[in-house]
């Protein structure tokens, strides 16, 4: 006679680390209206170096000051994610809670993917065809440490504060080997302290250009903000399909993701790969 299996608890898990939420300002606003159309904000950006007046203030022929016209605005559209399962046991009141936990386990990776690639009609994304490519690296990739330096310099020039470095998750070992990342509290940061998002992504460059063998695209942006709605769950009677006694358990959440001041890309040749 076959003995029945013994039911045990699932193994303990460790949350996803060094992803988007570790590098961004994550906001859970009380007002949910913003998730209908999206948000916008006015960042304080710089353009270094600041101009200097070399003439005395009393000089009537001194050059006219040149200032930017107006205040910049950042817009971020809505990304809608869902996760869940179906089940035929209405005696399982935990199915909706399992859907909530499933969404929580996949939301970071999902946002990283869509914000990098622009798939799913994401409005603001790194691999937009208009993203600036530094140092002609789309033609001639630069060493990893050079690429990181170029991005950190551009962030400093255009944002004036710490921004965010973005790299495919599989390059984390290369960053560690070349001393381009270190742990600082809950974050991994670059040499100059910009937090790194090691993203779950296809890793495409601007315009969807795939990197070649032994290459990777990296991005740098100004400060990143993620805003999240409440998690929406149906009540159990609403989730029950009485025709076949099946529970359709789905959790949904809405997000906006955007960054201030700058976005730039660089293609790098990974260390140990012949040029």
C-alpha atoms as a PDB file:
ATOM      1  CA  UNK A   1       0.000   0.000   0.000  1.00  0.00           C
ATOM      2  CA  UNK A   2       1.395   3.391  -1.001  1.00  0.00           C
ATOM      3  CA  UNK A   3       1.794   5.791   1.866  1.00  0.00           C
ATOM      4  CA  UNK A   4       0.333   9.304   1.361  1.00  0.00           C
ATOM      5  CA  UNK A   5       2.729  12.206   1.000  1.00  0.00           C
ATOM      6  CA  UNK A   6       3.306  14.298   4.098  1.00  0.00           C
ATOM      7  CA  UNK A   7       2.374  17.953   3.630  1.00  0.00           C
ATOM      8  CA  UNK A   8       5.084  20.389   4.793  1.00  0.00           C
ATOM      9  CA  UNK A   9       5.652  24.133   4.604  1.00  0.00           C
ATOM     10  CA  UNK A  10       7.449  25.564   1.568  1.00  0.00           C
ATOM     11  CA  UNK A  11      11.094  26.522   2.097  1.00  0.00           C
ATOM     12  CA  UNK A  12      11.842  29.947   3.543  1.00  0.00           C
ATOM     13  CA  UNK A  13      12.581  32.553   0.892  1.00  0.00           C
ATOM     14  CA  UNK A  14      14.745  35.676   0.639  1.00  0.00           C
ATOM     15  CA  UNK A  15      13.337  38.744  -1.123  1.00  0.00           C
ATOM     16  CA  UNK A  16      14.670  39.845  -4.531  1.00  0.00           C
ATOM     17  CA  UNK A  17      17.753  42.010  -3.946  1.00  0.00           C
ATOM     18  CA  UNK A  18      19.528  44.894  -5.691  1.00  0.00           C
ATOM     19  CA  UNK A  19      16.718  45.519  -8.133  1.00  0.00           C
ATOM     20  CA  UNK A  20      14.672  48.581  -9.002  1.00  0.00           C
ATOM     21  CA  UNK A  21      13.127  49.082  -5.573  1.00  0.00           C
ATOM     22  CA  UNK A  22      16.534  49.233  -3.885  1.00  0.00           C
ATOM     23  CA  UNK A  23      17.686  52.116  -6.109  1.00  0.00           C
ATOM     24  CA  UNK A  24      14.494  54.139  -6.585  1.00  0.00           C
ATOM     25  CA  UNK A  25      12.348  56.289  -4.352  1.00  0.00           C
ATOM     26  CA  UNK A  26       9.301  54.021  -3.880  1.00  0.00           C
ATOM     27  CA  UNK A  27       6.066  55.834  -3.023  1.00  0.00           C
ATOM     28  CA  UNK A  28       2.708  54.298  -2.093  1.00  0.00           C
ATOM     29  CA  UNK A  29       0.381  57.331  -2.360  1.00  0.00           C
ATOM     30  CA  UNK A  30      -2.920  57.483  -0.543  1.00  0.00           C
ATOM     31  CA  UNK A  31      -4.620  59.188  -3.505  1.00  0.00           C
ATOM     32  CA  UNK A  32      -5.176  56.574  -6.210  1.00  0.00           C
ATOM     33  CA  UNK A  33      -6.451  58.966  -8.899  1.00  0.00           C
ATOM     34  CA  UNK A  34      -2.961  59.369 -10.378  1.00  0.00           C
ATOM     35  CA  UNK A  35      -3.083  55.793 -11.675  1.00  0.00           C
ATOM     36  CA  UNK A  36      -5.754  56.672 -14.217  1.00  0.00           C
ATOM     37  CA  UNK A  37      -3.498  58.666 -16.539  1.00  0.00           C
ATOM     38  CA  UNK A  38      -0.073  58.916 -14.883  1.00  0.00           C
ATOM     39  CA  UNK A  39       1.934  61.625 -13.140  1.00  0.00           C
ATOM     40  CA  UNK A  40       4.316  64.468 -13.874  1.00  0.00           C
ATOM     41  CA  UNK A  41       6.768  66.427 -11.766  1.00  0.00           C
ATOM     42  CA  UNK A  42       9.260  69.269 -12.103  1.00  0.00           C
ATOM     43  CA  UNK A  43      12.828  68.101 -11.463  1.00  0.00           C
ATOM     44  CA  UNK A  44      15.666  70.442 -10.507  1.00  0.00           C
ATOM     45  CA  UNK A  45      18.306  69.740 -13.160  1.00  0.00           C
ATOM     46  CA  UNK A  46      21.696  71.301 -13.852  1.00  0.00           C
ATOM     47  CA  UNK A  47      23.983  71.767 -16.832  1.00  0.00           C
ATOM     48  CA  UNK A  48      27.571  71.668 -15.585  1.00  0.00           C
ATOM     49  CA  UNK A  49      29.692  73.626 -15.539  1.00  0.00           C
ATOM     50  CA  UNK A  50      27.597  76.664 -14.661  1.00  0.00           C
ATOM     51  CA  UNK A  51      28.424  79.718 -16.800  1.00  0.00           C
ATOM     52  CA  UNK A  52      30.596  82.474 -15.357  1.00  0.00           C
ATOM     53  CA  UNK A  53      30.558  86.219 -15.900  1.00  0.00           C
ATOM     54  CA  UNK A  54      34.143  87.285 -16.483  1.00  0.00           C
ATOM     55  CA  UNK A  55      33.333  91.008 -16.616  1.00  0.00           C
ATOM     56  CA  UNK A  56      32.729  93.203 -13.592  1.00  0.00           C
ATOM     57  CA  UNK A  57      29.111  93.815 -12.655  1.00  0.00           C
ATOM     58  CA  UNK A  58      29.673  97.518 -13.341  1.00  0.00           C
ATOM     59  CA  UNK A  59      30.866  96.886 -16.922  1.00  0.00           C
ATOM     60  CA  UNK A  60      28.129  98.156 -19.282  1.00  0.00           C
ATOM     61  CA  UNK A  61      29.437  95.889 -22.060  1.00  0.00           C
ATOM     62  CA  UNK A  62      29.340  92.664 -20.034  1.00  0.00           C
ATOM     63  CA  UNK A  63      27.783  89.663 -21.746  1.00  0.00           C
ATOM     64  CA  UNK A  64      24.088  88.963 -21.266  1.00  0.00           C
ATOM     65  CA  UNK A  65      23.299  86.030 -19.016  1.00  0.00           C
ATOM     66  CA  UNK A  66      21.936  82.991 -20.862  1.00  0.00           C
ATOM     67  CA  UNK A  67      19.400  81.010 -18.856  1.00  0.00           C
ATOM     68  CA  UNK A  68      17.185  78.020 -19.713  1.00  0.00           C
ATOM     69  CA  UNK A  69      13.682  78.905 -20.803  1.00  0.00           C
ATOM     70  CA  UNK A  70      11.040  77.566 -18.428  1.00  0.00           C
ATOM     71  CA  UNK A  71      10.948  74.682 -15.974  1.00  0.00           C
ATOM     72  CA  UNK A  72      11.453  71.082 -17.173  1.00  0.00           C
ATOM     73  CA  UNK A  73       8.708  68.530 -16.629  1.00  0.00           C
ATOM     74  CA  UNK A  74       8.889  64.753 -16.319  1.00  0.00           C
ATOM     75  CA  UNK A  75       5.926  62.557 -17.248  1.00  0.00           C
ATOM     76  CA  UNK A  76       5.435  58.903 -16.335  1.00  0.00           C
ATOM     77  CA  UNK A  77       2.623  56.746 -17.712  1.00  0.00           C
ATOM     78  CA  UNK A  78       0.837  53.885 -15.980  1.00  0.00           C
ATOM     79  CA  UNK A  79       2.059  50.275 -16.057  1.00  0.00           C
ATOM     80  CA  UNK A  80      -0.569  47.732 -15.013  1.00  0.00           C
ATOM     81  CA  UNK A  81       0.574  44.338 -13.712  1.00  0.00           C
ATOM     82  CA  UNK A  82      -1.423  41.324 -12.614  1.00  0.00           C
ATOM     83  CA  UNK A  83      -0.687  37.874 -11.230  1.00  0.00           C
ATOM     84  CA  UNK A  84      -2.747  35.031  -9.834  1.00  0.00           C
ATOM     85  CA  UNK A  85      -4.126  31.572 -10.401  1.00  0.00           C
ATOM     86  CA  UNK A  86      -7.318  29.611 -10.873  1.00  0.00           C
ATOM     87  CA  UNK A  87      -8.461  26.841  -8.569  1.00  0.00           C
ATOM     88  CA  UNK A  88     -11.426  24.520  -8.280  1.00  0.00           C
ATOM     89  CA  UNK A  89     -11.627  24.435  -4.509  1.00  0.00           C
ATOM     90  CA  UNK A  90     -13.814  27.186  -3.102  1.00  0.00           C
ATOM     91  CA  UNK A  91     -12.854  25.805   0.305  1.00  0.00           C
ATOM     92  CA  UNK A  92      -9.425  27.416  -0.145  1.00  0.00           C
ATOM     93  CA  UNK A  93      -9.886  30.962   1.205  1.00  0.00           C
ATOM     94  CA  UNK A  94      -6.137  31.554   0.760  1.00  0.00           C
ATOM     95  CA  UNK A  95      -6.232  31.631  -3.057  1.00  0.00           C
ATOM     96  CA  UNK A  96      -6.623  35.414  -3.220  1.00  0.00           C
ATOM     97  CA  UNK A  97      -3.831  35.906  -0.705  1.00  0.00           C
ATOM     98  CA  UNK A  98      -1.618  33.637  -2.816  1.00  0.00           C
ATOM     99  CA  UNK A  99      -2.344  35.901  -5.794  1.00  0.00           C
ATOM    100  CA  UNK A 100      -1.279  38.931  -3.751  1.00  0.00           C
ATOM    101  CA  UNK A 101       1.977  37.244  -2.735  1.00  0.00           C
ATOM    102  CA  UNK A 102       2.658  36.145  -6.324  1.00  0.00           C
ATOM    103  CA  UNK A 103       2.339  39.734  -7.541  1.00  0.00           C
ATOM    104  CA  UNK A 104       4.639  40.956  -4.779  1.00  0.00           C
ATOM    105  CA  UNK A 105       7.264  38.399  -5.788  1.00  0.00           C
ATOM    106  CA  UNK A 106       7.301  39.396  -9.464  1.00  0.00           C
ATOM    107  CA  UNK A 107       6.590  43.141  -9.542  1.00  0.00           C
ATOM    108  CA  UNK A 108      10.218  44.354  -9.433  1.00  0.00           C
ATOM    109  CA  UNK A 109      11.441  42.056 -12.219  1.00  0.00           C
ATOM    110  CA  UNK A 110       8.412  42.911 -14.324  1.00  0.00           C
ATOM    111  CA  UNK A 111       8.839  46.666 -13.994  1.00  0.00           C
ATOM    112  CA  UNK A 112      12.554  46.358 -14.793  1.00  0.00           C
ATOM    113  CA  UNK A 113      11.725  44.484 -17.978  1.00  0.00           C
ATOM    114  CA  UNK A 114       9.086  46.900 -19.234  1.00  0.00           C
ATOM    115  CA  UNK A 115      10.932  50.080 -18.230  1.00  0.00           C
ATOM    116  CA  UNK A 116      14.092  48.829 -19.953  1.00  0.00           C
ATOM    117  CA  UNK A 117      12.608  47.491 -23.199  1.00  0.00           C
ATOM    118  CA  UNK A 118       9.422  49.491 -23.706  1.00  0.00           C
ATOM    119  CA  UNK A 119       7.428  46.312 -24.281  1.00  0.00           C
ATOM    120  CA  UNK A 120       3.750  46.433 -23.369  1.00  0.00           C
ATOM    121  CA  UNK A 121       3.504  49.977 -24.800  1.00  0.00           C
ATOM    122  CA  UNK A 122       5.432  51.405 -21.850  1.00  0.00           C
ATOM    123  CA  UNK A 123       5.623  55.156 -22.449  1.00  0.00           C
ATOM    124  CA  UNK A 124       8.923  55.957 -20.690  1.00  0.00           C
ATOM    125  CA  UNK A 125      11.732  53.448 -21.156  1.00  0.00           C
ATOM    126  CA  UNK A 126      15.495  53.246 -21.337  1.00  0.00           C
ATOM    127  CA  UNK A 127      15.882  51.666 -24.782  1.00  0.00           C
ATOM    128  CA  UNK A 128      13.990  54.442 -26.559  1.00  0.00           C
ATOM    129  CA  UNK A 129      15.550  55.190 -29.941  1.00  0.00           C
ATOM    130  CA  UNK A 130      16.204  58.771 -28.804  1.00  0.00           C
ATOM    131  CA  UNK A 131      18.362  57.810 -25.811  1.00  0.00           C
ATOM    132  CA  UNK A 132      21.827  59.348 -26.046  1.00  0.00           C
ATOM    133  CA  UNK A 133      24.701  56.894 -26.646  1.00  0.00           C
ATOM    134  CA  UNK A 134      27.996  57.991 -25.100  1.00  0.00           C
ATOM    135  CA  UNK A 135      31.467  57.981 -26.678  1.00  0.00           C
ATOM    136  CA  UNK A 136      30.415  56.291 -29.938  1.00  0.00           C
ATOM    137  CA  UNK A 137      30.178  53.040 -27.997  1.00  0.00           C
ATOM    138  CA  UNK A 138      27.387  51.732 -30.217  1.00  0.00           C
ATOM    139  CA  UNK A 139      30.121  51.279 -32.850  1.00  0.00           C
ATOM    140  CA  UNK A 140      33.139  50.596 -30.621  1.00  0.00           C
ATOM    141  CA  UNK A 141      32.230  49.250 -27.165  1.00  0.00           C
ATOM    142  CA  UNK A 142      34.313  50.552 -24.257  1.00  0.00           C
ATOM    143  CA  UNK A 143      35.681  48.607 -21.263  1.00  0.00           C
ATOM    144  CA  UNK A 144      33.219  48.058 -18.426  1.00  0.00           C
ATOM    145  CA  UNK A 145      34.976  50.434 -16.032  1.00  0.00           C
ATOM    146  CA  UNK A 146      35.126  53.129 -18.717  1.00  0.00           C
ATOM    147  CA  UNK A 147      31.422  52.764 -19.440  1.00  0.00           C
ATOM    148  CA  UNK A 148      30.499  53.046 -15.770  1.00  0.00           C
ATOM    149  CA  UNK A 149      32.688  56.143 -15.454  1.00  0.00           C
ATOM    150  CA  UNK A 150      31.104  57.780 -18.492  1.00  0.00           C
ATOM    151  CA  UNK A 151      27.611  57.227 -17.109  1.00  0.00           C
ATOM    152  CA  UNK A 152      28.469  58.496 -13.624  1.00  0.00           C
ATOM    153  CA  UNK A 153      30.074  61.585 -15.152  1.00  0.00           C
ATOM    154  CA  UNK A 154      26.986  62.274 -17.298  1.00  0.00           C
ATOM    155  CA  UNK A 155      24.697  61.919 -14.283  1.00  0.00           C
ATOM    156  CA  UNK A 156      26.824  64.424 -12.382  1.00  0.00           C
ATOM    157  CA  UNK A 157      26.837  66.858 -15.325  1.00  0.00           C
ATOM    158  CA  UNK A 158      23.095  66.802 -15.929  1.00  0.00           C
ATOM    159  CA  UNK A 159      21.492  65.927 -12.583  1.00  0.00           C
ATOM    160  CA  UNK A 160      23.980  67.329 -10.073  1.00  0.00           C
ATOM    161  CA  UNK A 161      22.936  64.654  -7.575  1.00  0.00           C
ATOM    162  CA  UNK A 162      23.153  60.876  -7.374  1.00  0.00           C
ATOM    163  CA  UNK A 163      21.192  59.116 -10.089  1.00  0.00           C
ATOM    164  CA  UNK A 164      20.899  55.435 -10.998  1.00  0.00           C
ATOM    165  CA  UNK A 165      23.033  53.013 -13.011  1.00  0.00           C
ATOM    166  CA  UNK A 166      21.160  50.238 -14.833  1.00  0.00           C
ATOM    167  CA  UNK A 167      22.792  46.944 -15.858  1.00  0.00           C
ATOM    168  CA  UNK A 168      21.498  43.508 -16.902  1.00  0.00           C
ATOM    169  CA  UNK A 169      21.270  41.261 -13.874  1.00  0.00           C
ATOM    170  CA  UNK A 170      23.646  38.692 -15.356  1.00  0.00           C
ATOM    171  CA  UNK A 171      26.489  41.262 -15.389  1.00  0.00           C
ATOM    172  CA  UNK A 172      26.604  41.508 -11.590  1.00  0.00           C
ATOM    173  CA  UNK A 173      29.622  39.189 -11.392  1.00  0.00           C
ATOM    174  CA  UNK A 174      31.549  41.281 -13.908  1.00  0.00           C
ATOM    175  CA  UNK A 175      30.885  44.435 -11.868  1.00  0.00           C
ATOM    176  CA  UNK A 176      32.184  42.712  -8.741  1.00  0.00           C
ATOM    177  CA  UNK A 177      35.287  41.358 -10.495  1.00  0.00           C
ATOM    178  CA  UNK A 178      36.260  44.780 -11.825  1.00  0.00           C
ATOM    179  CA  UNK A 179      35.514  46.599  -8.556  1.00  0.00           C
ATOM    180  CA  UNK A 180      32.638  48.581 -10.076  1.00  0.00           C
ATOM    181  CA  UNK A 181      30.115  47.810  -7.317  1.00  0.00           C
ATOM    182  CA  UNK A 182      30.082  47.754  -3.551  1.00  0.00           C
ATOM    183  CA  UNK A 183      27.443  47.214  -0.871  1.00  0.00           C
ATOM    184  CA  UNK A 184      26.207  50.384   0.817  1.00  0.00           C
ATOM    185  CA  UNK A 185      23.320  49.657   3.173  1.00  0.00           C
ATOM    186  CA  UNK A 186      20.505  47.944   1.236  1.00  0.00           C
ATOM    187  CA  UNK A 187      21.988  49.014  -2.105  1.00  0.00           C
ATOM    188  CA  UNK A 188      24.750  48.076  -4.486  1.00  0.00           C
ATOM    189  CA  UNK A 189      26.386  51.276  -5.693  1.00  0.00           C
ATOM    190  CA  UNK A 190      28.931  52.278  -8.325  1.00  0.00           C
ATOM    191  CA  UNK A 191      32.369  53.797  -7.646  1.00  0.00           C
ATOM    192  CA  UNK A 192      30.919  57.296  -7.101  1.00  0.00           C
ATOM    193  CA  UNK A 193      27.919  56.122  -5.068  1.00  0.00           C
ATOM    194  CA  UNK A 194      25.200  55.977  -7.719  1.00  0.00           C
ATOM    195  CA  UNK A 195      22.923  53.028  -6.845  1.00  0.00           C
ATOM    196  CA  UNK A 196      22.798  50.201  -9.371  1.00  0.00           C
ATOM    197  CA  UNK A 197      19.691  48.452 -10.635  1.00  0.00           C
ATOM    198  CA  UNK A 198      20.710  44.960 -11.691  1.00  0.00           C
ATOM    199  CA  UNK A 199      17.663  44.454 -13.873  1.00  0.00           C
ATOM    200  CA  UNK A 200      15.925  41.364 -15.167  1.00  0.00           C
ATOM    201  CA  UNK A 201      15.945  42.347 -18.823  1.00  0.00           C
ATOM    202  CA  UNK A 202      16.723  41.333 -22.379  1.00  0.00           C
ATOM    203  CA  UNK A 203      19.457  44.001 -22.232  1.00  0.00           C
ATOM    204  CA  UNK A 204      18.707  45.748 -25.526  1.00  0.00           C
ATOM    205  CA  UNK A 205      20.217  49.107 -26.419  1.00  0.00           C
ATOM    206  CA  UNK A 206      18.525  52.249 -27.772  1.00  0.00           C
ATOM    207  CA  UNK A 207      16.133  51.424 -30.586  1.00  0.00           C
ATOM    208  CA  UNK A 208      16.082  47.759 -29.520  1.00  0.00           C
ATOM    209  CA  UNK A 209      19.679  47.041 -30.614  1.00  0.00           C
ATOM    210  CA  UNK A 210      20.801  43.715 -29.178  1.00  0.00           C
ATOM    211  CA  UNK A 211      24.358  43.576 -27.791  1.00  0.00           C
ATOM    212  CA  UNK A 212      26.879  41.333 -29.505  1.00  0.00           C
ATOM    213  CA  UNK A 213      28.652  38.389 -27.914  1.00  0.00           C
ATOM    214  CA  UNK A 214      30.690  39.521 -24.909  1.00  0.00           C
ATOM    215  CA  UNK A 215      28.967  42.920 -24.855  1.00  0.00           C
ATOM    216  CA  UNK A 216      26.328  44.571 -22.704  1.00  0.00           C
ATOM    217  CA  UNK A 217      24.328  47.787 -22.759  1.00  0.00           C
ATOM    218  CA  UNK A 218      24.328  49.907 -19.594  1.00  0.00           C
ATOM    219  CA  UNK A 219      22.219  52.971 -18.841  1.00  0.00           C
ATOM    220  CA  UNK A 220      22.445  55.918 -16.499  1.00  0.00           C
ATOM    221  CA  UNK A 221      19.552  58.105 -15.388  1.00  0.00           C
ATOM    222  CA  UNK A 222      18.848  60.818 -12.893  1.00  0.00           C
ATOM    223  CA  UNK A 223      16.956  59.956  -9.687  1.00  0.00           C
ATOM    224  CA  UNK A 224      14.234  57.353 -10.250  1.00  0.00           C
ATOM    225  CA  UNK A 225      10.757  57.341  -8.701  1.00  0.00           C
ATOM    226  CA  UNK A 226       8.371  54.373  -8.549  1.00  0.00           C
ATOM    227  CA  UNK A 227       4.817  55.027  -7.433  1.00  0.00           C
ATOM    228  CA  UNK A 228       2.524  52.087  -6.625  1.00  0.00           C
ATOM    229  CA  UNK A 229      -1.232  51.831  -6.213  1.00  0.00           C
ATOM    230  CA  UNK A 230      -2.992  49.662  -3.701  1.00  0.00           C
ATOM    231  CA  UNK A 231      -3.240  45.971  -4.602  1.00  0.00           C
ATOM    232  CA  UNK A 232      -6.670  45.259  -6.041  1.00  0.00           C
ATOM    233  CA  UNK A 233      -8.246  41.884  -5.245  1.00  0.00           C
ATOM    234  CA  UNK A 234     -11.793  40.697  -5.941  1.00  0.00           C
ATOM    235  CA  UNK A 235     -13.913  39.499  -3.071  1.00  0.00           C
ATOM    236  CA  UNK A 236     -14.256  35.731  -3.069  1.00  0.00           C
ATOM    237  CA  UNK A 237     -17.892  35.744  -4.310  1.00  0.00           C
ATOM    238  CA  UNK A 238     -16.813  37.953  -7.233  1.00  0.00           C
ATOM    239  CA  UNK A 239     -13.903  35.620  -8.073  1.00  0.00           C
ATOM    240  CA  UNK A 240     -16.093  32.498  -8.136  1.00  0.00           C
ATOM    241  CA  UNK A 241     -17.316  31.208 -11.498  1.00  0.00           C
ATOM    242  CA  UNK A 242     -20.406  29.287 -10.407  1.00  0.00           C
ATOM    243  CA  UNK A 243     -20.729  27.566 -13.772  1.00  0.00           C
ATOM    244  CA  UNK A 244     -17.734  25.281 -13.112  1.00  0.00           C
ATOM    245  CA  UNK A 245     -17.160  26.136  -9.435  1.00  0.00           C
ATOM    246  CA  UNK A 246     -13.768  27.687 -10.272  1.00  0.00           C
ATOM    247  CA  UNK A 247     -12.085  30.532  -8.415  1.00  0.00           C
ATOM    248  CA  UNK A 248     -10.369  33.085 -10.651  1.00  0.00           C
ATOM    249  CA  UNK A 249      -7.931  34.612  -8.180  1.00  0.00           C
ATOM    250  CA  UNK A 250      -6.126  37.636  -9.622  1.00  0.00           C
ATOM    251  CA  UNK A 251      -4.238  40.508  -7.988  1.00  0.00           C
ATOM    252  CA  UNK A 252      -3.678  43.756  -9.883  1.00  0.00           C
ATOM    253  CA  UNK A 253      -1.508  46.771  -9.153  1.00  0.00           C
ATOM    254  CA  UNK A 254      -0.758  49.957 -11.066  1.00  0.00           C
ATOM    255  CA  UNK A 255       2.617  51.719 -11.214  1.00  0.00           C
ATOM    256  CA  UNK A 256       4.352  54.763 -12.630  1.00  0.00           C
ATOM    257  CA  UNK A 257       8.126  54.754 -13.144  1.00  0.00           C
ATOM    258  CA  UNK A 258      10.166  57.764 -14.256  1.00  0.00           C
ATOM    259  CA  UNK A 259      13.454  59.589 -13.791  1.00  0.00           C
ATOM    260  CA  UNK A 260      14.675  63.158 -13.693  1.00  0.00           C
ATOM    261  CA  UNK A 261      17.100  65.151 -15.855  1.00  0.00           C
ATOM    262  CA  UNK A 262      19.081  62.609 -17.863  1.00  0.00           C
ATOM    263  CA  UNK A 263      19.108  59.219 -19.560  1.00  0.00           C
ATOM    264  CA  UNK A 264      22.152  57.934 -21.429  1.00  0.00           C
ATOM    265  CA  UNK A 265      23.443  54.584 -22.679  1.00  0.00           C
ATOM    266  CA  UNK A 266      26.832  53.017 -23.230  1.00  0.00           C
ATOM    267  CA  UNK A 267      27.807  49.674 -24.740  1.00  0.00           C
ATOM    268  CA  UNK A 268      30.647  47.884 -22.948  1.00  0.00           C
ATOM    269  CA  UNK A 269      32.991  45.044 -23.758  1.00  0.00           C
ATOM    270  CA  UNK A 270      32.998  42.693 -20.811  1.00  0.00           C
ATOM    271  CA  UNK A 271      36.326  41.908 -19.129  1.00  0.00           C
ATOM    272  CA  UNK A 272      38.006  38.688 -20.160  1.00  0.00           C
ATOM    273  CA  UNK A 273      36.435  38.798 -23.623  1.00  0.00           C
ATOM    274  CA  UNK A 274      39.010  39.413 -26.399  1.00  0.00           C
ATOM    275  CA  UNK A 275      38.599  42.761 -28.151  1.00  0.00           C
END
